[in-house]
Amino acid sequence: MTNHDSPPITQASQHWRSLWSLDPTVTFLNHGSFGACPIAILEKQQVLRSKLEAEPLQFFGVELEDLLDTARQALANFVGAEVASLAFVPNATTGVNTVLRSLCLPISGFTPLQAGDELLTTNHEYNASRNALNFVAQCVGATVVVAEVPFPIDSSEQAISAILDKVSAKTRLVLLDHITSQTSLVFPLKPLINELNQRNIDVLVDGAHAPGMIPLNLAELGVAYYTGNCHKWLCSPKGAAFLYVREDKQFMIRPLVISHGANSPRPDRSRFHLEFDWTGTTDPTPYSLHS
């Protein structure tokens, strides 16, 4: 929105404004959609980009792997996850698509999604993720089941019961927002995941808004799949997000782009990291930054 009647600019507010490159004539309220990155972070990213362009072979072939490992360790500490379970993706929508499409693949030791299966979500699900769920369901002949979670809502028990009441013997996966985009509800994930795990039903969480907004401990959560953005409340550059895949599920999950990691003979890195860390030439600097 255009700021026609700005409040007086104090010394403190001027300081905070100076940290961002946001247009001072606009009151920027929608940080949740695309975020805004501080100038200092953009400057650090430009240093990495300059190194990349000065010697691309050195950067991609020698330096990048260590940068990714360092950034992944910092991220793992922040979201309460094992380093082995984290991969970088450009955004949470990619993370959701990655898991859903992988579950359709004929992988040894796993029965892929098929006709008659049910994929459960809620009426609060983010449109892009719901579209991905619909697409996969149409591809395999599965059914999307929608739990109607009331809004306004009086208690977390209402959400829990609304979702669990829609679970059936045919439910293969539950897709949930952590913090809903449309209504800003924080779903009670822990009790839901505990109950669904007991029923051998995996949960995919679209946590696009959660990192930096609420505390995360993905290992304690016990979730099979979780994806979150870093460009929103962590204020990273655009193109920084992560996909968490519990170690016992990693054999089933493949990146959307298959590249060199698929047949890499390296024994020193997991197939999960070999595949996700290199999906072709791109700008990896948004998620190579670390403190």
C-alpha atoms as a PDB file:
ATOM      1  CA  MET A   1       0.000   0.000   0.000  1.00  0.00           C
ATOM      2  CA  THR A   2       1.140   3.563  -0.592  1.00  0.00           C
ATOM      3  CA  ASN A   3       2.031   5.389   2.584  1.00  0.00           C
ATOM      4  CA  HIS A   4       0.228   8.758   2.273  1.00  0.00           C
ATOM      5  CA  ASP A   5       0.224   9.626   5.966  1.00  0.00           C
ATOM      6  CA  SER A   6       3.468   8.313   7.385  1.00  0.00           C
ATOM      7  CA  PRO A   7       4.027   8.518  11.131  1.00  0.00           C
ATOM      8  CA  PRO A   8       6.982  10.616  12.298  1.00  0.00           C
ATOM      9  CA  ILE A   9      10.298   8.931  11.568  1.00  0.00           C
ATOM     10  CA  THR A  10      12.207   8.410  14.810  1.00  0.00           C
ATOM     11  CA  GLN A  11      15.921   7.760  15.051  1.00  0.00           C
ATOM     12  CA  ALA A  12      15.215   4.100  15.879  1.00  0.00           C
ATOM     13  CA  SER A  13      12.843   3.599  12.958  1.00  0.00           C
ATOM     14  CA  GLN A  14      15.303   5.306  10.624  1.00  0.00           C
ATOM     15  CA  HIS A  15      17.970   2.847  11.744  1.00  0.00           C
ATOM     16  CA  TRP A  16      15.779  -0.159  11.009  1.00  0.00           C
ATOM     17  CA  ARG A  17      14.707   1.267   7.659  1.00  0.00           C
ATOM     18  CA  SER A  18      18.350   1.676   6.684  1.00  0.00           C
ATOM     19  CA  LEU A  19      18.891  -2.081   6.980  1.00  0.00           C
ATOM     20  CA  TRP A  20      16.499  -2.827   4.111  1.00  0.00           C
ATOM     21  CA  SER A  21      16.208  -1.759   0.497  1.00  0.00           C
ATOM     22  CA  LEU A  22      12.411  -1.501   0.692  1.00  0.00           C
ATOM     23  CA  ASP A  23      10.831   1.500  -1.015  1.00  0.00           C
ATOM     24  CA  PRO A  24      10.434   4.098   1.780  1.00  0.00           C
ATOM     25  CA  THR A  25       7.284   5.484   0.132  1.00  0.00           C
ATOM     26  CA  VAL A  26       5.485   2.136   0.556  1.00  0.00           C
ATOM     27  CA  THR A  27       4.355   0.537   3.784  1.00  0.00           C
ATOM     28  CA  PHE A  28       5.233  -3.080   3.081  1.00  0.00           C
ATOM     29  CA  LEU A  29       2.819  -5.303   4.998  1.00  0.00           C
ATOM     30  CA  ASN A  30       2.889  -8.578   3.082  1.00  0.00           C
ATOM     31  CA  HIS A  31       6.235  -9.964   4.219  1.00  0.00           C
ATOM     32  CA  GLY A  32       4.646 -13.404   4.432  1.00  0.00           C
ATOM     33  CA  SER A  33       4.310 -13.870   0.688  1.00  0.00           C
ATOM     34  CA  PHE A  34       7.802 -13.167  -0.597  1.00  0.00           C
ATOM     35  CA  GLY A  35       9.718 -11.774   2.358  1.00  0.00           C
ATOM     36  CA  ALA A  36      12.258  -8.990   2.137  1.00  0.00           C
ATOM     37  CA  CYS A  37      15.993  -9.499   2.445  1.00  0.00           C
ATOM     38  CA  PRO A  38      18.263  -7.196   4.487  1.00  0.00           C
ATOM     39  CA  ILE A  39      20.913  -5.275   2.592  1.00  0.00           C
ATOM     40  CA  ALA A  40      23.745  -6.971   4.506  1.00  0.00           C
ATOM     41  CA  ILE A  41      22.541 -10.409   3.415  1.00  0.00           C
ATOM     42  CA  LEU A  42      22.203  -9.308  -0.202  1.00  0.00           C
ATOM     43  CA  GLU A  43      25.733  -7.932  -0.054  1.00  0.00           C
ATOM     44  CA  LYS A  44      27.046 -11.236   1.290  1.00  0.00           C
ATOM     45  CA  GLN A  45      25.188 -13.070  -1.451  1.00  0.00           C
ATOM     46  CA  GLN A  46      26.797 -10.802  -4.036  1.00  0.00           C
ATOM     47  CA  VAL A  47      30.233 -11.713  -2.695  1.00  0.00           C
ATOM     48  CA  LEU A  48      29.432 -15.368  -3.325  1.00  0.00           C
ATOM     49  CA  ARG A  49      28.037 -14.589  -6.760  1.00  0.00           C
ATOM     50  CA  SER A  50      31.202 -12.685  -7.636  1.00  0.00           C
ATOM     51  CA  LYS A  51      33.310 -15.678  -6.592  1.00  0.00           C
ATOM     52  CA  LEU A  52      31.109 -17.939  -8.697  1.00  0.00           C
ATOM     53  CA  GLU A  53      31.477 -15.773 -11.778  1.00  0.00           C
ATOM     54  CA  ALA A  54      35.206 -15.205 -11.278  1.00  0.00           C
ATOM     55  CA  GLU A  55      35.983 -18.943 -11.324  1.00  0.00           C
ATOM     56  CA  PRO A  56      32.895 -21.100 -11.960  1.00  0.00           C
ATOM     57  CA  LEU A  57      34.757 -24.425 -12.011  1.00  0.00           C
ATOM     58  CA  GLN A  58      36.440 -23.720  -8.687  1.00  0.00           C
ATOM     59  CA  PHE A  59      33.169 -22.589  -7.105  1.00  0.00           C
ATOM     60  CA  PHE A  60      30.929 -25.400  -8.338  1.00  0.00           C
ATOM     61  CA  GLY A  61      33.490 -28.178  -8.358  1.00  0.00           C
ATOM     62  CA  VAL A  62      35.485 -27.458  -5.209  1.00  0.00           C
ATOM     63  CA  GLU A  63      33.879 -24.881  -2.913  1.00  0.00           C
ATOM     64  CA  LEU A  64      30.140 -25.431  -3.206  1.00  0.00           C
ATOM     65  CA  GLU A  65      29.927 -28.728  -1.366  1.00  0.00           C
ATOM     66  CA  ASP A  66      31.538 -27.309   1.772  1.00  0.00           C
ATOM     67  CA  LEU A  67      29.327 -24.216   1.582  1.00  0.00           C
ATOM     68  CA  LEU A  68      26.227 -26.403   1.406  1.00  0.00           C
ATOM     69  CA  ASP A  69      27.378 -28.608   4.268  1.00  0.00           C
ATOM     70  CA  THR A  70      28.082 -25.600   6.492  1.00  0.00           C
ATOM     71  CA  ALA A  71      24.750 -23.984   5.660  1.00  0.00           C
ATOM     72  CA  ARG A  72      22.953 -27.298   6.198  1.00  0.00           C
ATOM     73  CA  GLN A  73      24.503 -27.684   9.655  1.00  0.00           C
ATOM     74  CA  ALA A  74      23.403 -24.175  10.635  1.00  0.00           C
ATOM     75  CA  LEU A  75      19.903 -24.884   9.348  1.00  0.00           C
ATOM     76  CA  ALA A  76      19.762 -28.251  11.118  1.00  0.00           C
ATOM     77  CA  ASN A  77      20.623 -26.565  14.420  1.00  0.00           C
ATOM     78  CA  PHE A  78      17.902 -23.980  13.867  1.00  0.00           C
ATOM     79  CA  VAL A  79      15.045 -26.346  12.898  1.00  0.00           C
ATOM     80  CA  GLY A  80      15.984 -29.226  15.200  1.00  0.00           C
ATOM     81  CA  ALA A  81      16.821 -31.752  12.514  1.00  0.00           C
ATOM     82  CA  GLU A  82      19.551 -34.206  11.673  1.00  0.00           C
ATOM     83  CA  VAL A  83      21.875 -32.895   8.968  1.00  0.00           C
ATOM     84  CA  ALA A  84      21.399 -36.151   7.071  1.00  0.00           C
ATOM     85  CA  SER A  85      17.675 -35.436   6.692  1.00  0.00           C
ATOM     86  CA  LEU A  86      17.884 -31.976   5.100  1.00  0.00           C
ATOM     87  CA  ALA A  87      18.080 -31.041   1.435  1.00  0.00           C
ATOM     88  CA  PHE A  88      17.911 -27.600  -0.132  1.00  0.00           C
ATOM     89  CA  VAL A  89      15.113 -26.700  -2.548  1.00  0.00           C
ATOM     90  CA  PRO A  90      14.195 -23.303  -4.033  1.00  0.00           C
ATOM     91  CA  ASN A  91      10.805 -23.019  -2.279  1.00  0.00           C
ATOM     92  CA  ALA A  92       8.280 -24.970  -0.247  1.00  0.00           C
ATOM     93  CA  THR A  93       6.068 -25.577  -3.286  1.00  0.00           C
ATOM     94  CA  THR A  94       8.964 -27.477  -4.840  1.00  0.00           C
ATOM     95  CA  GLY A  95       9.320 -29.448  -1.616  1.00  0.00           C
ATOM     96  CA  VAL A  96       5.649 -30.460  -1.639  1.00  0.00           C
ATOM     97  CA  ASN A  97       5.796 -31.447  -5.303  1.00  0.00           C
ATOM     98  CA  THR A  98       8.995 -33.410  -4.746  1.00  0.00           C
ATOM     99  CA  VAL A  99       7.441 -35.634  -2.103  1.00  0.00           C
ATOM    100  CA  LEU A 100       4.080 -36.091  -3.828  1.00  0.00           C
ATOM    101  CA  ARG A 101       5.603 -37.003  -7.180  1.00  0.00           C
ATOM    102  CA  SER A 102       8.145 -39.334  -5.581  1.00  0.00           C
ATOM    103  CA  LEU A 103       5.349 -41.279  -3.914  1.00  0.00           C
ATOM    104  CA  CYS A 104       4.070 -42.200  -7.379  1.00  0.00           C
ATOM    105  CA  LEU A 105       7.369 -43.811  -8.430  1.00  0.00           C
ATOM    106  CA  PRO A 106       7.920 -47.583  -8.596  1.00  0.00           C
ATOM    107  CA  ILE A 107      10.582 -47.851  -5.901  1.00  0.00           C
ATOM    108  CA  SER A 108      11.746 -51.234  -4.641  1.00  0.00           C
ATOM    109  CA  GLY A 109      10.402 -51.880  -1.156  1.00  0.00           C
ATOM    110  CA  PHE A 110       7.574 -49.353  -1.456  1.00  0.00           C
ATOM    111  CA  THR A 111       4.052 -49.530  -2.861  1.00  0.00           C
ATOM    112  CA  PRO A 112       3.451 -46.322  -4.832  1.00  0.00           C
ATOM    113  CA  LEU A 113       0.239 -44.347  -4.694  1.00  0.00           C
ATOM    114  CA  GLN A 114      -2.452 -46.025  -6.758  1.00  0.00           C
ATOM    115  CA  ALA A 115      -6.102 -46.027  -7.693  1.00  0.00           C
ATOM    116  CA  GLY A 116      -8.342 -46.253  -4.636  1.00  0.00           C
ATOM    117  CA  ASP A 117      -5.902 -44.584  -2.271  1.00  0.00           C
ATOM    118  CA  GLU A 118      -7.009 -41.502  -0.342  1.00  0.00           C
ATOM    119  CA  LEU A 119      -4.935 -38.363   0.142  1.00  0.00           C
ATOM    120  CA  LEU A 120      -6.204 -36.325   3.064  1.00  0.00           C
ATOM    121  CA  THR A 121      -5.869 -32.569   3.495  1.00  0.00           C
ATOM    122  CA  THR A 122      -7.921 -29.707   4.949  1.00  0.00           C
ATOM    123  CA  ASN A 123     -10.004 -26.829   3.629  1.00  0.00           C
ATOM    124  CA  HIS A 124      -7.215 -24.484   4.779  1.00  0.00           C
ATOM    125  CA  GLU A 125      -4.543 -25.967   2.531  1.00  0.00           C
ATOM    126  CA  TYR A 126      -2.457 -23.552   0.450  1.00  0.00           C
ATOM    127  CA  ASN A 127      -3.725 -23.413  -3.127  1.00  0.00           C
ATOM    128  CA  ALA A 128      -0.419 -24.336  -4.789  1.00  0.00           C
ATOM    129  CA  SER A 129       0.019 -27.385  -2.556  1.00  0.00           C
ATOM    130  CA  ARG A 130      -3.607 -28.409  -3.061  1.00  0.00           C
ATOM    131  CA  ASN A 131      -3.083 -28.188  -6.827  1.00  0.00           C
ATOM    132  CA  ALA A 132      -0.078 -30.488  -6.544  1.00  0.00           C
ATOM    133  CA  LEU A 133      -2.136 -32.929  -4.477  1.00  0.00           C
ATOM    134  CA  ASN A 134      -4.960 -32.845  -7.042  1.00  0.00           C
ATOM    135  CA  PHE A 135      -2.496 -33.394  -9.892  1.00  0.00           C
ATOM    136  CA  VAL A 136      -0.923 -36.462  -8.298  1.00  0.00           C
ATOM    137  CA  ALA A 137      -4.319 -37.882  -7.375  1.00  0.00           C
ATOM    138  CA  GLN A 138      -5.490 -37.522 -10.978  1.00  0.00           C
ATOM    139  CA  CYS A 139      -2.322 -39.167 -12.274  1.00  0.00           C
ATOM    140  CA  VAL A 140      -2.771 -42.337 -10.219  1.00  0.00           C
ATOM    141  CA  GLY A 141      -6.545 -42.411  -9.738  1.00  0.00           C
ATOM    142  CA  ALA A 142      -6.449 -41.607  -6.032  1.00  0.00           C
ATOM    143  CA  THR A 143      -9.050 -39.524  -4.197  1.00  0.00           C
ATOM    144  CA  VAL A 144      -8.441 -36.238  -2.388  1.00  0.00           C
ATOM    145  CA  VAL A 145     -10.381 -36.125   0.878  1.00  0.00           C
ATOM    146  CA  VAL A 146     -10.871 -32.740   2.550  1.00  0.00           C
ATOM    147  CA  ALA A 147     -11.331 -32.315   6.291  1.00  0.00           C
ATOM    148  CA  GLU A 148     -13.417 -29.233   7.096  1.00  0.00           C
ATOM    149  CA  VAL A 149     -11.614 -27.478   9.922  1.00  0.00           C
ATOM    150  CA  PRO A 150     -13.850 -24.685  11.272  1.00  0.00           C
ATOM    151  CA  PHE A 151     -12.858 -21.039  11.224  1.00  0.00           C
ATOM    152  CA  PRO A 152     -13.031 -19.208  13.539  1.00  0.00           C
ATOM    153  CA  ILE A 153     -11.979 -22.105  15.745  1.00  0.00           C
ATOM    154  CA  ASP A 154     -12.334 -22.529  19.488  1.00  0.00           C
ATOM    155  CA  SER A 155      -9.716 -25.171  20.304  1.00  0.00           C
ATOM    156  CA  SER A 156      -7.017 -27.358  18.821  1.00  0.00           C
ATOM    157  CA  GLU A 157      -9.203 -30.375  19.568  1.00  0.00           C
ATOM    158  CA  GLN A 158     -11.632 -29.191  16.886  1.00  0.00           C
ATOM    159  CA  ALA A 159      -8.888 -29.352  14.268  1.00  0.00           C
ATOM    160  CA  ILE A 160      -7.625 -32.713  15.498  1.00  0.00           C
ATOM    161  CA  SER A 161     -11.051 -34.331  15.471  1.00  0.00           C
ATOM    162  CA  ALA A 162     -11.988 -32.837  12.086  1.00  0.00           C
ATOM    163  CA  ILE A 163      -8.859 -34.346  10.509  1.00  0.00           C
ATOM    164  CA  LEU A 164      -8.858 -37.708  12.263  1.00  0.00           C
ATOM    165  CA  ASP A 165     -12.555 -38.208  11.531  1.00  0.00           C
ATOM    166  CA  LYS A 166     -11.696 -38.233   7.815  1.00  0.00           C
ATOM    167  CA  VAL A 167      -8.991 -40.899   8.138  1.00  0.00           C
ATOM    168  CA  SER A 168      -9.950 -44.254   6.672  1.00  0.00           C
ATOM    169  CA  ALA A 169      -8.329 -47.586   5.859  1.00  0.00           C
ATOM    170  CA  LYS A 170      -7.552 -46.126   2.417  1.00  0.00           C
ATOM    171  CA  THR A 171      -5.660 -43.043   3.684  1.00  0.00           C
ATOM    172  CA  ARG A 172      -2.062 -43.145   2.423  1.00  0.00           C
ATOM    173  CA  LEU A 173      -0.870 -39.624   3.171  1.00  0.00           C
ATOM    174  CA  VAL A 174      -1.985 -36.512   5.041  1.00  0.00           C
ATOM    175  CA  LEU A 175      -0.923 -33.082   3.746  1.00  0.00           C
ATOM    176  CA  LEU A 176      -1.102 -30.317   6.353  1.00  0.00           C
ATOM    177  CA  ASP A 177      -0.067 -26.697   6.582  1.00  0.00           C
ATOM    178  CA  HIS A 178       1.889 -25.882   9.713  1.00  0.00           C
ATOM    179  CA  ILE A 179       0.688 -22.262   9.656  1.00  0.00           C
ATOM    180  CA  THR A 180      -2.163 -21.749   7.242  1.00  0.00           C
ATOM    181  CA  SER A 181      -1.700 -19.059   4.621  1.00  0.00           C
ATOM    182  CA  GLN A 182      -5.328 -17.975   4.390  1.00  0.00           C
ATOM    183  CA  THR A 183      -6.319 -18.039   8.064  1.00  0.00           C
ATOM    184  CA  SER A 184      -3.040 -17.992  10.074  1.00  0.00           C
ATOM    185  CA  LEU A 185      -4.014 -21.028  12.116  1.00  0.00           C
ATOM    186  CA  VAL A 186      -1.156 -22.953  13.699  1.00  0.00           C
ATOM    187  CA  PHE A 187      -2.145 -26.579  13.372  1.00  0.00           C
ATOM    188  CA  PRO A 188      -1.522 -28.877  16.380  1.00  0.00           C
ATOM    189  CA  LEU A 189       0.962 -31.045  14.510  1.00  0.00           C
ATOM    190  CA  LYS A 190       2.479 -33.037  17.362  1.00  0.00           C
ATOM    191  CA  PRO A 191      -0.693 -34.861  18.502  1.00  0.00           C
ATOM    192  CA  LEU A 192      -1.848 -35.287  14.907  1.00  0.00           C
ATOM    193  CA  ILE A 193       1.454 -36.768  13.768  1.00  0.00           C
ATOM    194  CA  ASN A 194       1.652 -39.030  16.824  1.00  0.00           C
ATOM    195  CA  GLU A 195      -1.804 -40.441  16.106  1.00  0.00           C
ATOM    196  CA  LEU A 196      -1.226 -40.809  12.371  1.00  0.00           C
ATOM    197  CA  ASN A 197       2.158 -42.473  12.898  1.00  0.00           C
ATOM    198  CA  GLN A 198       0.438 -45.046  15.108  1.00  0.00           C
ATOM    199  CA  ARG A 199      -1.880 -45.760  12.167  1.00  0.00           C
ATOM    200  CA  ASN A 200       1.114 -46.056   9.780  1.00  0.00           C
ATOM    201  CA  ILE A 201      -0.002 -42.979   7.842  1.00  0.00           C
ATOM    202  CA  ASP A 202       2.706 -40.565   6.779  1.00  0.00           C
ATOM    203  CA  VAL A 203       2.336 -36.790   7.075  1.00  0.00           C
ATOM    204  CA  LEU A 204       3.710 -34.180   4.681  1.00  0.00           C
ATOM    205  CA  VAL A 205       3.822 -30.734   6.276  1.00  0.00           C
ATOM    206  CA  ASP A 206       3.849 -27.560   4.221  1.00  0.00           C
ATOM    207  CA  GLY A 207       5.698 -25.371   6.697  1.00  0.00           C
ATOM    208  CA  ALA A 208       6.216 -22.443   4.352  1.00  0.00           C
ATOM    209  CA  HIS A 209       5.650 -19.817   7.075  1.00  0.00           C
ATOM    210  CA  ALA A 210       6.964 -21.620  10.143  1.00  0.00           C
ATOM    211  CA  PRO A 211      10.785 -21.193  10.103  1.00  0.00           C
ATOM    212  CA  GLY A 212      11.585 -18.010  11.957  1.00  0.00           C
ATOM    213  CA  MET A 213       7.995 -17.493  13.102  1.00  0.00           C
ATOM    214  CA  ILE A 214       7.622 -20.339  15.605  1.00  0.00           C
ATOM    215  CA  PRO A 215      10.133 -22.710  17.237  1.00  0.00           C
ATOM    216  CA  LEU A 216      10.813 -25.899  15.286  1.00  0.00           C
ATOM    217  CA  ASN A 217      12.163 -29.267  16.339  1.00  0.00           C
ATOM    218  CA  LEU A 218      11.571 -31.566  13.405  1.00  0.00           C
ATOM    219  CA  ALA A 219      13.244 -34.586  14.994  1.00  0.00           C
ATOM    220  CA  GLU A 220      10.931 -34.399  18.005  1.00  0.00           C
ATOM    221  CA  LEU A 221       7.929 -33.811  15.754  1.00  0.00           C
ATOM    222  CA  GLY A 222       8.402 -37.260  14.221  1.00  0.00           C
ATOM    223  CA  VAL A 223       7.107 -36.141  10.830  1.00  0.00           C
ATOM    224  CA  ALA A 224       7.968 -38.085   7.686  1.00  0.00           C
ATOM    225  CA  TYR A 225       8.231 -35.037   5.394  1.00  0.00           C
ATOM    226  CA  TYR A 226       8.474 -31.309   6.116  1.00  0.00           C
ATOM    227  CA  THR A 227       9.272 -28.420   3.811  1.00  0.00           C
ATOM    228  CA  GLY A 228       9.791 -24.789   4.784  1.00  0.00           C
ATOM    229  CA  ASN A 229      10.853 -21.483   3.278  1.00  0.00           C
ATOM    230  CA  CYS A 230      13.813 -19.432   4.457  1.00  0.00           C
ATOM    231  CA  HIS A 231      13.000 -16.372   2.325  1.00  0.00           C
ATOM    232  CA  LYS A 232      10.037 -15.357   4.483  1.00  0.00           C
ATOM    233  CA  TRP A 233      10.644 -14.935   8.219  1.00  0.00           C
ATOM    234  CA  LEU A 234      14.315 -15.945   8.112  1.00  0.00           C
ATOM    235  CA  CYS A 235      14.855 -13.097   5.621  1.00  0.00           C
ATOM    236  CA  SER A 236      17.085 -15.145   3.312  1.00  0.00           C
ATOM    237  CA  PRO A 237      17.367 -14.328  -0.390  1.00  0.00           C
ATOM    238  CA  LYS A 238      14.623 -15.642  -2.672  1.00  0.00           C
ATOM    239  CA  GLY A 239      15.260 -19.235  -3.660  1.00  0.00           C
ATOM    240  CA  ALA A 240      16.181 -20.545  -0.194  1.00  0.00           C
ATOM    241  CA  ALA A 241      14.056 -23.340   1.238  1.00  0.00           C
ATOM    242  CA  PHE A 242      14.516 -26.829   2.633  1.00  0.00           C
ATOM    243  CA  LEU A 243      13.019 -30.284   2.455  1.00  0.00           C
ATOM    244  CA  TYR A 244      13.232 -32.545   5.495  1.00  0.00           C
ATOM    245  CA  VAL A 245      12.851 -36.251   4.850  1.00  0.00           C
ATOM    246  CA  ARG A 246      13.072 -38.661   7.755  1.00  0.00           C
ATOM    247  CA  GLU A 247      15.948 -41.053   7.166  1.00  0.00           C
ATOM    248  CA  ASP A 248      13.765 -44.163   6.879  1.00  0.00           C
ATOM    249  CA  LYS A 249      11.845 -42.481   4.030  1.00  0.00           C
ATOM    250  CA  GLN A 250      14.763 -41.178   1.993  1.00  0.00           C
ATOM    251  CA  PHE A 251      15.047 -44.220  -0.266  1.00  0.00           C
ATOM    252  CA  MET A 252      11.651 -43.280  -1.743  1.00  0.00           C
ATOM    253  CA  ILE A 253      12.248 -39.570  -2.362  1.00  0.00           C
ATOM    254  CA  ARG A 254      13.910 -38.339  -5.544  1.00  0.00           C
ATOM    255  CA  PRO A 255      14.386 -34.733  -6.685  1.00  0.00           C
ATOM    256  CA  LEU A 256      12.138 -33.362  -9.410  1.00  0.00           C
ATOM    257  CA  VAL A 257      15.237 -33.072 -11.624  1.00  0.00           C
ATOM    258  CA  ILE A 258      17.361 -36.208 -11.994  1.00  0.00           C
ATOM    259  CA  SER A 259      21.022 -35.384 -12.589  1.00  0.00           C
ATOM    260  CA  HIS A 260      24.530 -36.707 -11.911  1.00  0.00           C
ATOM    261  CA  GLY A 261      23.829 -37.838  -8.365  1.00  0.00           C
ATOM    262  CA  ALA A 262      21.560 -40.642  -9.555  1.00  0.00           C
ATOM    263  CA  ASN A 263      24.530 -42.856 -10.510  1.00  0.00           C
ATOM    264  CA  SER A 264      27.343 -41.259  -8.536  1.00  0.00           C
ATOM    265  CA  PRO A 265      29.780 -43.903  -7.250  1.00  0.00           C
ATOM    266  CA  ARG A 266      30.863 -41.755  -4.283  1.00  0.00           C
ATOM    267  CA  PRO A 267      30.661 -43.676  -0.996  1.00  0.00           C
ATOM    268  CA  ASP A 268      31.348 -40.628   1.193  1.00  0.00           C
ATOM    269  CA  ARG A 269      27.957 -38.939   0.746  1.00  0.00           C
ATOM    270  CA  SER A 270      24.398 -40.194   0.920  1.00  0.00           C
ATOM    271  CA  ARG A 271      22.442 -40.696  -2.269  1.00  0.00           C
ATOM    272  CA  PHE A 272      19.910 -38.246  -0.810  1.00  0.00           C
ATOM    273  CA  HIS A 273      22.485 -35.441  -0.682  1.00  0.00           C
ATOM    274  CA  LEU A 274      24.219 -36.414  -3.908  1.00  0.00           C
ATOM    275  CA  GLU A 275      20.957 -36.109  -5.810  1.00  0.00           C
ATOM    276  CA  PHE A 276      19.508 -33.007  -4.166  1.00  0.00           C
ATOM    277  CA  ASP A 277      22.732 -31.011  -3.913  1.00  0.00           C
ATOM    278  CA  TRP A 278      23.222 -30.990  -7.666  1.00  0.00           C
ATOM    279  CA  THR A 279      20.242 -30.868 -10.021  1.00  0.00           C
ATOM    280  CA  GLY A 280      21.985 -28.934 -12.774  1.00  0.00           C
ATOM    281  CA  THR A 281      23.539 -25.502 -13.098  1.00  0.00           C
ATOM    282  CA  THR A 282      21.686 -22.846 -11.136  1.00  0.00           C
ATOM    283  CA  ASP A 283      22.461 -20.065  -8.675  1.00  0.00           C
ATOM    284  CA  PRO A 284      23.005 -21.825  -5.336  1.00  0.00           C
ATOM    285  CA  THR A 285      23.941 -18.688  -3.402  1.00  0.00           C
ATOM    286  CA  PRO A 286      20.539 -18.153  -1.691  1.00  0.00           C
ATOM    287  CA  TYR A 287      20.987 -21.285   0.398  1.00  0.00           C
ATOM    288  CA  SER A 288      24.792 -21.318   0.501  1.00  0.00           C
ATOM    289  CA  LEU A 289      24.841 -18.387   2.928  1.00  0.00           C
ATOM    290  CA  HIS A 290      25.498 -19.167   6.560  1.00  0.00           C
ATOM    291  CA  SER A 291      26.402 -17.268   9.711  1.00  0.00           C
END
